[in-house]
């Protein structure tokens, strides 16, 4: 299911899967979706 995040009064939609979120665990490599989310 996509997660929706609001930035600067604009709504930007990101599609982050549970696998994307698992890469935030310690010792895991970040994937492109997480890096794109952070840069927005």
PDB file of N, CA and C in Angstrom:
ATOM      1  N   UNK A   1       0.843  -1.185   0.000  1.00  0.00           N
ATOM      2  CA  UNK A   1       0.000   0.000   0.000  1.00  0.00           C
ATOM      3  C   UNK A   1       0.887   1.247   0.000  1.00  0.00           C
ATOM      4  N   UNK A   2       0.544   2.237  -0.797  1.00  0.00           N
ATOM      5  CA  UNK A   2       1.362   3.442  -0.858  1.00  0.00           C
ATOM      6  C   UNK A   2       1.231   4.278   0.403  1.00  0.00           C
ATOM      7  N   UNK A   3       2.302   4.905   0.781  1.00  0.00           N
ATOM      8  CA  UNK A   3       2.312   5.835   1.900  1.00  0.00           C
ATOM      9  C   UNK A   3       2.280   7.248   1.322  1.00  0.00           C
ATOM     10  N   UNK A   4       1.500   8.153   1.907  1.00  0.00           N
ATOM     11  CA  UNK A   4       1.412   9.522   1.425  1.00  0.00           C
ATOM     12  C   UNK A   4       2.069  10.450   2.432  1.00  0.00           C
ATOM     13  N   UNK A   5       2.903  11.348   1.925  1.00  0.00           N
ATOM     14  CA  UNK A   5       3.637  12.274   2.778  1.00  0.00           C
ATOM     15  C   UNK A   5       3.409  13.679   2.267  1.00  0.00           C
ATOM     16  N   UNK A   6       3.155  14.630   3.160  1.00  0.00           N
ATOM     17  CA  UNK A   6       2.979  16.022   2.768  1.00  0.00           C
ATOM     18  C   UNK A   6       4.259  16.815   2.986  1.00  0.00           C
ATOM     19  N   UNK A   7       4.695  17.544   1.975  1.00  0.00           N
ATOM     20  CA  UNK A   7       5.891  18.375   2.063  1.00  0.00           C
ATOM     21  C   UNK A   7       5.558  19.777   1.572  1.00  0.00           C
ATOM     22  N   UNK A   8       5.861  20.792   2.373  1.00  0.00           N
ATOM     23  CA  UNK A   8       5.676  22.190   1.975  1.00  0.00           C
ATOM     24  C   UNK A   8       4.272  22.464   1.431  1.00  0.00           C
ATOM     25  N   UNK A   9       3.259  22.001   2.134  1.00  0.00           N
ATOM     26  CA  UNK A   9       1.857  22.190   1.748  1.00  0.00           C
ATOM     27  C   UNK A   9       1.485  21.522   0.425  1.00  0.00           C
ATOM     28  N   UNK A  10       2.370  20.717  -0.120  1.00  0.00           N
ATOM     29  CA  UNK A  10       2.067  19.930  -1.323  1.00  0.00           C
ATOM     30  C   UNK A  10       2.041  18.469  -0.919  1.00  0.00           C
ATOM     31  N   UNK A  11       1.167  17.713  -1.518  1.00  0.00           N
ATOM     32  CA  UNK A  11       1.116  16.288  -1.222  1.00  0.00           C
ATOM     33  C   UNK A  11       1.841  15.529  -2.317  1.00  0.00           C
ATOM     34  N   UNK A  12       2.792  14.731  -1.906  1.00  0.00           N
ATOM     35  CA  UNK A  12       3.568  13.917  -2.830  1.00  0.00           C
ATOM     36  C   UNK A  12       3.330  12.466  -2.467  1.00  0.00           C
ATOM     37  N   UNK A  13       3.049  11.640  -3.453  1.00  0.00           N
ATOM     38  CA  UNK A  13       2.773  10.230  -3.195  1.00  0.00           C
ATOM     39  C   UNK A  13       4.018   9.399  -3.471  1.00  0.00           C
ATOM     40  N   UNK A  14       4.340   8.565  -2.512  1.00  0.00           N
ATOM     41  CA  UNK A  14       5.443   7.623  -2.648  1.00  0.00           C
ATOM     42  C   UNK A  14       4.893   6.231  -2.486  1.00  0.00           C
ATOM     43  N   UNK A  15       5.338   5.331  -3.315  1.00  0.00           N
ATOM     44  CA  UNK A  15       4.970   3.927  -3.168  1.00  0.00           C
ATOM     45  C   UNK A  15       6.111   3.209  -2.468  1.00  0.00           C
ATOM     46  N   UNK A  16       5.923   2.951  -1.175  1.00  0.00           N
ATOM     47  CA  UNK A  16       6.921   2.240  -0.386  1.00  0.00           C
ATOM     48  C   UNK A  16       6.319   0.925   0.071  1.00  0.00           C
ATOM     49  N   UNK A  17       6.994  -0.156  -0.243  1.00  0.00           N
ATOM     50  CA  UNK A  17       6.508  -1.476   0.166  1.00  0.00           C
ATOM     51  C   UNK A  17       7.082  -1.833   1.528  1.00  0.00           C
ATOM     52  N   UNK A  18       6.584  -2.911   2.094  1.00  0.00           N
ATOM     53  CA  UNK A  18       7.125  -3.372   3.375  1.00  0.00           C
ATOM     54  C   UNK A  18       8.585  -3.783   3.212  1.00  0.00           C
ATOM     55  N   UNK A  19       8.962  -4.283   2.030  1.00  0.00           N
ATOM     56  CA  UNK A  19      10.366  -4.620   1.767  1.00  0.00           C
ATOM     57  C   UNK A  19      11.237  -3.367   1.772  1.00  0.00           C
ATOM     58  N   UNK A  20      10.697  -2.257   1.239  1.00  0.00           N
ATOM     59  CA  UNK A  20      11.433  -0.993   1.273  1.00  0.00           C
ATOM     60  C   UNK A  20      11.697  -0.578   2.716  1.00  0.00           C
ATOM     61  N   UNK A  21      10.689  -0.698   3.557  1.00  0.00           N
ATOM     62  CA  UNK A  21      10.835  -0.284   4.951  1.00  0.00           C
ATOM     63  C   UNK A  21      11.780  -1.193   5.723  1.00  0.00           C
ATOM     64  N   UNK A  22      11.852  -2.462   5.345  1.00  0.00           N
ATOM     65  CA  UNK A  22      12.762  -3.388   6.020  1.00  0.00           C
ATOM     66  C   UNK A  22      14.223  -3.014   5.797  1.00  0.00           C
ATOM     67  N   UNK A  23      14.524  -2.324   4.702  1.00  0.00           N
ATOM     68  CA  UNK A  23      15.913  -1.952   4.449  1.00  0.00           C
ATOM     69  C   UNK A  23      16.380  -0.851   5.394  1.00  0.00           C
ATOM     70  N   UNK A  24      15.472  -0.307   6.219  1.00  0.00           N
ATOM     71  CA  UNK A  24      15.860   0.686   7.218  1.00  0.00           C
ATOM     72  C   UNK A  24      16.443   0.044   8.472  1.00  0.00           C
ATOM     73  N   UNK A  25      16.377  -1.276   8.568  1.00  0.00           N
ATOM     74  CA  UNK A  25      16.942  -1.973   9.722  1.00  0.00           C
ATOM     75  C   UNK A  25      18.460  -1.836   9.729  1.00  0.00           C
ATOM     76  N   UNK A  26      19.028  -1.894  10.905  1.00  0.00           N
ATOM     77  CA  UNK A  26      20.475  -1.782  11.059  1.00  0.00           C
ATOM     78  C   UNK A  26      21.181  -2.891  10.279  1.00  0.00           C
ATOM     79  N   UNK A  27      22.235  -2.527   9.576  1.00  0.00           N
ATOM     80  CA  UNK A  27      23.011  -3.498   8.816  1.00  0.00           C
ATOM     81  C   UNK A  27      22.493  -3.764   7.417  1.00  0.00           C
ATOM     82  N   UNK A  28      21.388  -3.132   7.036  1.00  0.00           N
ATOM     83  CA  UNK A  28      20.812  -3.318   5.699  1.00  0.00           C
ATOM     84  C   UNK A  28      21.209  -2.149   4.802  1.00  0.00           C
ATOM     85  N   UNK A  29      21.267  -2.404   3.502  1.00  0.00           N
ATOM     86  CA  UNK A  29      21.549  -1.353   2.537  1.00  0.00           C
ATOM     87  C   UNK A  29      20.261  -0.632   2.167  1.00  0.00           C
ATOM     88  N   UNK A  30      20.348   0.691   1.986  1.00  0.00           N
ATOM     89  CA  UNK A  30      19.190   1.460   1.542  1.00  0.00           C
ATOM     90  C   UNK A  30      18.936   1.182   0.069  1.00  0.00           C
ATOM     91  N   UNK A  31      17.661   1.136  -0.308  1.00  0.00           N
ATOM     92  CA  UNK A  31      17.345   0.952  -1.726  1.00  0.00           C
ATOM     93  C   UNK A  31      16.963   2.293  -2.357  1.00  0.00           C
ATOM     94  N   UNK A  32      16.783   2.305  -3.660  1.00  0.00           N
ATOM     95  CA  UNK A  32      16.508   3.539  -4.388  1.00  0.00           C
ATOM     96  C   UNK A  32      15.234   4.230  -3.920  1.00  0.00           C
ATOM     97  N   UNK A  33      14.198   3.470  -3.591  1.00  0.00           N
ATOM     98  CA  UNK A  33      12.933   4.076  -3.163  1.00  0.00           C
ATOM     99  C   UNK A  33      13.103   4.858  -1.869  1.00  0.00           C
ATOM    100  N   UNK A  34      13.870   4.333  -0.926  1.00  0.00           N
ATOM    101  CA  UNK A  34      14.092   5.029   0.343  1.00  0.00           C
ATOM    102  C   UNK A  34      14.925   6.289   0.116  1.00  0.00           C
ATOM    103  N   UNK A  35      15.930   6.207  -0.732  1.00  0.00           N
ATOM    104  CA  UNK A  35      16.766   7.381  -1.021  1.00  0.00           C
ATOM    105  C   UNK A  35      15.951   8.454  -1.732  1.00  0.00           C
ATOM    106  N   UNK A  36      15.123   8.076  -2.702  1.00  0.00           N
ATOM    107  CA  UNK A  36      14.252   9.042  -3.385  1.00  0.00           C
ATOM    108  C   UNK A  36      13.301   9.706  -2.404  1.00  0.00           C
ATOM    109  N   UNK A  37      12.738   8.934  -1.487  1.00  0.00           N
ATOM    110  CA  UNK A  37      11.837   9.470  -0.467  1.00  0.00           C
ATOM    111  C   UNK A  37      12.561  10.505   0.381  1.00  0.00           C
ATOM    112  N   UNK A  38      13.776  10.201   0.802  1.00  0.00           N
ATOM    113  CA  UNK A  38      14.550  11.119   1.635  1.00  0.00           C
ATOM    114  C   UNK A  38      14.875  12.411   0.888  1.00  0.00           C
ATOM    115  N   UNK A  39      15.224  12.301  -0.386  1.00  0.00           N
ATOM    116  CA  UNK A  39      15.613  13.476  -1.158  1.00  0.00           C
ATOM    117  C   UNK A  39      14.443  14.403  -1.460  1.00  0.00           C
ATOM    118  N   UNK A  40      13.230  13.893  -1.456  1.00  0.00           N
ATOM    119  CA  UNK A  40      12.071  14.738  -1.714  1.00  0.00           C
ATOM    120  C   UNK A  40      11.797  15.584  -0.511  1.00  0.00           C
TER     121      UNK A  40
END
